[in-house]
Amino acid sequence: MNSVRRRVLAFLGGLILAKPSFGSPASKTPAFATSRSSYTPRHILCFLGKENGLAALQVSARAAIGMFGDIFTVDEEFSRDEPDDRMVRSFNICWDRVDPDAYEETDEDAVAVHGSVLYVLGPSMEPETTVATTAKALMFVQYMLDHGAVAAKGESAGVAHGVRRWRELFEQARDAAASSDLLALAKACRLAFARRPIGDDAEGMASVGFHLVGLPDVLVKLERKDDQPPSTNSEQLKIAALIDEVAEEMTRDGVEAALAKRHVTLSDDTRYEETEYKFNPFGVATIAGPRRSQ
């Protein structure tokens, strides 16, 4: 058995065997929300390859599917064996801006010179299967980057990381699964496939993609005056930290309990149509943001 297959089986075994123990906080089962819609979330993964590289990407994807099971499928309609001139702009918009080392110049260069595009579709997920399935999606990304892909993006929230950051998140998820730390596993999956903060000062800044780990998104409303300057990068990073803090509380304590403690309202997601992959069937939690300095 080669090292890649051993690593795959160890990771998947961690997902299957990770059982909560009432005496161990580290193994507490992550909470998930009750759906407010008939829509079920799913992953759409985008992989870029080299020139004339679609066939190689397809071979790698099918090998991964053979190891993970048949819950993922290769898209035949939109994949292409040629560059997509929209990718440079798309990745530029989707790069994670929260982690300071989320991507590097080499990642931007790889996107700029790509020669093929492959899409992989994940299964529709019930709330209780989101974290385990998203962990498999993260492993799928890492496998593809190890076997021919030069860049990867999660389309269901519009988020991209560089090769180094994808590997770091995968290793966090792998270690969490191996130690049955399900809360840490949920966090690694959320950081991998969700974007934040998205929006502006007037409408507020929110997360996109928390539905992929069974949670409502979080919208932070800002207190601002018309004559105040736009929020700075530093302020937006604080908003992202607040969004992450609320997400961790919902994962640990339960959605209803965490939101009740903060006196937070939960409403339907009106940002996207119900047929869009970014639509969150678990809703959006709206909270007041930190006061802005004058």
Protein backbone atom coordinates (compact mmCIF):
# COMPACT_ATOMS: atom_id res chain seq x y z
CA MET A 1 0.00 0.00 0.00
CA ASN A 2 1.56 3.30 -1.04
CA SER A 3 1.96 6.27 1.30
CA VAL A 4 -0.81 8.30 -0.36
CA ARG A 5 -3.38 5.54 0.11
CA ARG A 6 -2.27 5.01 3.72
CA ARG A 7 -2.73 8.72 4.37
CA VAL A 8 -6.17 8.67 2.76
CA LEU A 9 -7.34 5.69 4.79
CA ALA A 10 -5.96 7.15 8.02
CA PHE A 11 -7.80 10.43 7.41
CA LEU A 12 -11.07 8.78 6.46
CA GLY A 13 -10.72 6.39 9.38
CA GLY A 14 -10.40 9.38 11.67
CA LEU A 15 -13.64 10.80 10.31
CA ILE A 16 -15.49 7.51 10.75
CA LEU A 17 -14.08 6.54 14.14
CA ALA A 18 -14.17 9.97 15.79
CA LYS A 19 -16.89 9.35 18.38
CA PRO A 20 -17.77 11.91 21.03
CA SER A 21 -16.87 11.12 24.63
CA PHE A 22 -18.95 12.87 27.25
CA GLY A 23 -15.92 13.41 29.45
CA SER A 24 -13.71 14.95 26.78
CA PRO A 25 -14.32 18.50 25.52
CA ALA A 26 -11.92 17.88 22.63
CA SER A 27 -14.23 15.22 21.20
CA LYS A 28 -17.47 17.14 21.55
CA THR A 29 -19.64 16.82 18.47
CA PRO A 30 -19.95 20.08 16.48
CA ALA A 31 -23.41 21.61 16.53
CA PHE A 32 -25.33 22.27 13.33
CA ALA A 33 -28.36 24.39 12.54
CA THR A 34 -31.89 23.46 11.56
CA SER A 35 -32.53 24.12 7.89
CA ARG A 36 -35.01 26.85 7.00
CA SER A 37 -35.23 25.77 3.36
CA SER A 38 -35.53 22.69 1.18
CA TYR A 39 -32.20 23.58 -0.45
CA THR A 40 -29.27 21.34 0.51
CA PRO A 41 -25.72 22.70 0.21
CA ARG A 42 -23.04 21.08 -1.90
CA HIS A 43 -19.42 21.67 -2.86
CA ILE A 44 -18.32 22.81 -6.29
CA LEU A 45 -14.55 22.55 -6.56
CA CYS A 46 -12.50 24.26 -9.28
CA PHE A 47 -9.02 23.03 -10.20
CA LEU A 48 -6.60 24.63 -12.64
CA GLY A 49 -4.05 22.55 -14.53
CA LYS A 50 -1.25 22.95 -17.00
CA GLU A 51 -1.52 23.37 -20.77
CA ASN A 52 -3.36 20.41 -22.32
CA GLY A 53 -3.74 19.14 -18.77
CA LEU A 54 -7.43 18.29 -18.54
CA ALA A 55 -6.95 14.57 -19.14
CA ALA A 56 -4.35 14.40 -16.37
CA LEU A 57 -6.64 16.30 -14.00
CA GLN A 58 -9.48 13.92 -14.79
CA VAL A 59 -7.28 10.90 -14.09
CA SER A 60 -6.27 12.36 -10.72
CA ALA A 61 -9.85 13.25 -9.82
CA ARG A 62 -11.13 9.78 -10.67
CA ALA A 63 -8.34 8.22 -8.62
CA ALA A 64 -9.41 10.38 -5.67
CA ILE A 65 -13.03 9.39 -6.20
CA GLY A 66 -11.94 5.76 -6.16
CA MET A 67 -10.39 6.25 -2.73
CA PHE A 68 -13.04 8.51 -1.18
CA GLY A 69 -16.10 6.76 -2.57
CA ASP A 70 -18.47 7.93 -5.27
CA ILE A 71 -19.92 10.98 -3.49
CA PHE A 72 -17.88 13.29 -5.76
CA THR A 73 -18.30 13.45 -9.52
CA VAL A 74 -16.26 14.95 -12.35
CA ASP A 75 -18.13 17.64 -14.26
CA GLU A 76 -18.05 17.02 -18.00
CA GLU A 77 -19.99 20.10 -19.11
CA PHE A 78 -17.94 23.05 -17.88
CA SER A 79 -14.45 21.55 -17.55
CA ARG A 80 -12.17 22.59 -20.41
CA ASP A 81 -8.76 21.73 -21.88
CA GLU A 82 -7.85 25.37 -22.46
CA PRO A 83 -7.30 28.51 -20.39
CA ASP A 84 -10.29 30.40 -19.02
CA ASP A 85 -9.56 34.12 -19.28
CA ARG A 86 -11.96 34.80 -16.39
CA MET A 87 -9.81 32.91 -13.89
CA VAL A 88 -7.26 35.64 -13.10
CA ARG A 89 -10.00 38.07 -12.10
CA SER A 90 -11.98 35.36 -10.32
CA PHE A 91 -9.07 34.20 -8.18
CA ASN A 92 -8.07 37.79 -7.48
CA ILE A 93 -11.56 38.39 -6.04
CA CYS A 94 -11.67 35.09 -4.18
CA TRP A 95 -8.26 34.95 -2.50
CA ASP A 96 -8.67 34.73 1.27
CA ARG A 97 -7.68 38.15 2.70
CA VAL A 98 -7.79 37.19 6.39
CA ASP A 99 -4.81 34.88 6.73
CA PRO A 100 -1.69 36.99 6.00
CA ASP A 101 -0.05 34.16 4.06
CA ALA A 102 -3.13 32.80 2.31
CA TYR A 103 -1.49 33.04 -1.12
CA GLU A 104 1.85 33.90 -2.66
CA GLU A 105 3.16 35.34 -5.91
CA THR A 106 3.80 31.81 -7.19
CA ASP A 107 0.09 31.04 -6.74
CA GLU A 108 -0.91 34.13 -8.75
CA ASP A 109 1.59 33.14 -11.45
CA ALA A 110 0.14 29.62 -11.62
CA VAL A 111 -3.35 31.02 -12.15
CA ALA A 112 -2.09 33.42 -14.83
CA VAL A 113 -0.47 30.69 -16.94
CA HIS A 114 -2.96 27.86 -16.37
CA GLY A 115 -3.98 25.85 -19.42
CA SER A 116 -6.92 23.71 -18.28
CA VAL A 117 -9.86 23.79 -15.86
CA LEU A 118 -11.60 20.93 -14.07
CA TYR A 119 -14.76 21.14 -11.95
CA VAL A 120 -15.70 18.50 -9.39
CA LEU A 121 -19.16 18.31 -7.85
CA GLY A 122 -19.83 17.22 -4.29
CA PRO A 123 -23.01 15.57 -2.99
CA SER A 124 -26.00 17.38 -1.51
CA MET A 125 -25.40 17.52 2.24
CA GLU A 126 -27.76 17.17 5.15
CA PRO A 127 -26.89 19.35 8.18
CA GLU A 128 -25.42 16.46 10.16
CA THR A 129 -23.16 15.34 7.29
CA THR A 130 -21.72 18.75 6.38
CA VAL A 131 -18.50 18.64 8.42
CA ALA A 132 -17.53 15.09 7.44
CA THR A 133 -18.27 15.74 3.76
CA THR A 134 -16.45 19.08 3.81
CA ALA A 135 -13.44 17.37 5.39
CA LYS A 136 -13.44 14.97 2.45
CA ALA A 137 -13.68 17.94 0.08
CA LEU A 138 -10.60 19.42 1.75
CA MET A 139 -8.75 16.16 1.32
CA PHE A 140 -9.87 16.07 -2.31
CA VAL A 141 -8.31 19.51 -2.83
CA GLN A 142 -5.04 18.43 -1.27
CA TYR A 143 -4.94 15.25 -3.34
CA MET A 144 -5.45 17.22 -6.54
CA LEU A 145 -2.72 19.74 -5.64
CA ASP A 146 -0.40 16.79 -5.03
CA HIS A 147 -1.35 15.26 -8.40
CA GLY A 148 -1.24 17.87 -11.12
CA ALA A 149 -3.49 20.79 -10.13
CA VAL A 150 -1.69 24.14 -9.86
CA ALA A 151 -4.48 26.06 -8.09
CA ALA A 152 -7.81 25.37 -6.39
CA LYS A 153 -10.94 27.32 -5.48
CA GLY A 154 -14.14 26.50 -3.61
CA GLU A 155 -16.97 27.80 -5.77
CA SER A 156 -19.72 27.33 -3.18
CA ALA A 157 -18.44 30.34 -1.25
CA GLY A 158 -16.05 31.80 -3.80
CA VAL A 159 -12.86 31.28 -1.77
CA ALA A 160 -9.33 30.47 -2.88
CA HIS A 161 -6.10 29.78 -1.03
CA GLY A 162 -2.57 29.25 -2.22
CA VAL A 163 -0.98 25.80 -2.29
CA ARG A 164 0.79 26.29 1.04
CA ARG A 165 -2.36 27.46 2.84
CA TRP A 166 -4.50 24.63 1.44
CA ARG A 167 -1.92 22.16 2.76
CA GLU A 168 -1.85 23.85 6.16
CA LEU A 169 -5.64 23.61 6.47
CA PHE A 170 -5.63 19.99 5.33
CA GLU A 171 -2.98 19.13 7.93
CA GLN A 172 -5.05 20.82 10.63
CA ALA A 173 -8.08 18.76 9.58
CA ARG A 174 -6.04 15.55 9.38
CA ASP A 175 -4.58 16.04 12.86
CA ALA A 176 -8.01 16.91 14.28
CA ALA A 177 -9.57 13.78 12.77
CA ALA A 178 -6.73 11.61 14.04
CA SER A 179 -7.17 12.91 17.60
CA SER A 180 -11.00 12.88 17.46
CA ASP A 181 -11.05 16.65 18.02
CA LEU A 182 -14.27 17.27 16.12
CA LEU A 183 -14.51 20.96 17.01
CA ALA A 184 -11.03 21.56 15.57
CA LEU A 185 -12.02 19.56 12.49
CA ALA A 186 -15.09 21.75 11.97
CA LYS A 187 -12.97 24.89 12.38
CA ALA A 188 -10.40 23.78 9.79
CA CYS A 189 -13.18 22.97 7.33
CA ARG A 190 -14.86 26.34 7.92
CA LEU A 191 -11.63 28.28 7.43
CA ALA A 192 -10.95 26.31 4.25
CA PHE A 193 -14.27 26.82 2.48
CA ALA A 194 -15.88 30.02 3.83
CA ARG A 195 -15.12 33.66 3.02
CA ARG A 196 -15.34 36.63 5.35
CA PRO A 197 -15.91 39.51 5.57
CA ILE A 198 -17.97 40.19 2.44
CA GLY A 199 -19.98 43.42 2.05
CA ASP A 200 -19.57 47.08 2.85
CA ASP A 201 -19.93 49.65 5.61
CA ALA A 202 -23.50 50.57 4.69
CA GLU A 203 -25.05 47.09 4.40
CA GLY A 204 -22.73 45.32 6.81
CA MET A 205 -20.06 42.64 6.41
CA ALA A 206 -20.82 38.95 6.49
CA SER A 207 -19.50 35.47 6.03
CA VAL A 208 -20.35 33.32 3.01
CA GLY A 209 -20.08 29.55 3.12
CA PHE A 210 -20.89 28.62 6.71
CA HIS A 211 -23.65 26.40 5.29
CA LEU A 212 -20.87 24.03 4.23
CA VAL A 213 -20.32 23.20 7.92
CA GLY A 214 -23.99 23.31 8.90
CA LEU A 215 -24.10 26.84 10.34
CA PRO A 216 -25.91 30.09 9.52
CA ASP A 217 -23.76 32.85 8.14
CA VAL A 218 -22.95 35.84 10.36
CA LEU A 219 -23.69 39.43 9.31
CA VAL A 220 -22.03 42.26 11.24
CA LYS A 221 -23.86 45.58 11.09
CA LEU A 222 -21.61 48.62 11.51
CA GLU A 223 -22.41 51.75 13.44
CA ARG A 224 -21.21 54.56 11.20
CA LYS A 225 -21.88 58.18 10.39
CA ASP A 226 -22.17 59.49 6.85
CA ASP A 227 -19.09 61.66 7.26
CA GLN A 228 -16.86 58.82 8.51
CA PRO A 229 -14.18 57.42 6.18
CA PRO A 230 -14.50 53.85 4.87
CA SER A 231 -13.50 51.06 7.22
CA THR A 232 -9.80 50.19 7.17
CA ASN A 233 -8.21 46.79 6.57
CA SER A 234 -7.48 46.61 10.29
CA GLU A 235 -11.15 47.21 11.14
CA GLN A 236 -12.26 44.60 8.63
CA LEU A 237 -9.89 42.03 10.15
CA LYS A 238 -11.49 42.71 13.53
CA ILE A 239 -14.90 42.09 11.96
CA ALA A 240 -13.61 38.81 10.50
CA ALA A 241 -12.35 37.84 13.97
CA LEU A 242 -15.79 38.61 15.44
CA ILE A 243 -17.48 36.49 12.77
CA ASP A 244 -15.11 33.61 13.55
CA GLU A 245 -15.75 34.01 17.28
CA VAL A 246 -19.51 33.70 16.80
CA ALA A 247 -19.02 30.71 14.50
CA GLU A 248 -16.93 28.92 17.11
CA GLU A 249 -19.54 29.62 19.78
CA MET A 250 -22.30 28.20 17.54
CA THR A 251 -20.19 25.11 16.81
CA ARG A 252 -19.35 24.53 20.46
CA ASP A 253 -22.51 25.55 22.30
CA GLY A 254 -25.23 25.04 19.72
CA VAL A 255 -26.67 27.60 17.35
CA GLU A 256 -29.70 28.58 19.40
CA ALA A 257 -27.79 28.83 22.68
CA ALA A 258 -24.93 30.85 21.19
CA LEU A 259 -27.23 33.32 19.45
CA ALA A 260 -29.52 33.67 22.48
CA LYS A 261 -26.53 34.49 24.67
CA ARG A 262 -25.60 37.32 22.30
CA HIS A 263 -29.24 38.41 21.80
CA VAL A 264 -28.78 37.83 18.07
CA THR A 265 -31.56 37.51 15.51
CA LEU A 266 -31.65 34.78 12.88
CA SER A 267 -33.38 35.39 9.55
CA ASP A 268 -33.64 33.81 6.11
CA ASP A 269 -30.79 34.36 3.68
CA THR A 270 -32.03 36.99 1.22
CA ARG A 271 -28.58 37.72 -0.24
CA TYR A 272 -28.78 34.95 -2.83
CA GLU A 273 -31.44 33.09 -4.73
CA GLU A 274 -32.35 29.70 -3.29
CA THR A 275 -30.93 28.02 -6.39
CA GLU A 276 -27.45 29.57 -5.93
CA TYR A 277 -24.62 27.58 -4.34
CA LYS A 278 -23.83 30.43 -1.93
CA PHE A 279 -27.37 30.48 -0.54
CA ASN A 280 -27.41 29.49 3.14
CA PRO A 281 -30.46 27.38 4.03
CA PHE A 282 -29.63 27.78 7.73
CA GLY A 283 -30.14 31.54 7.58
CA VAL A 284 -28.09 34.59 8.57
CA ALA A 285 -27.39 35.75 12.13
CA THR A 286 -27.21 39.53 12.37
CA ILE A 287 -25.11 41.09 15.14
CA ALA A 288 -23.95 44.59 16.03
CA GLY A 289 -20.36 45.33 15.15
CA PRO A 290 -17.72 47.13 17.21
CA ARG A 291 -18.09 50.89 17.54
CA ARG A 292 -15.99 52.78 15.03
CA SER A 293 -13.54 55.38 16.24
CA GLN A 294 -14.42 58.96 15.32
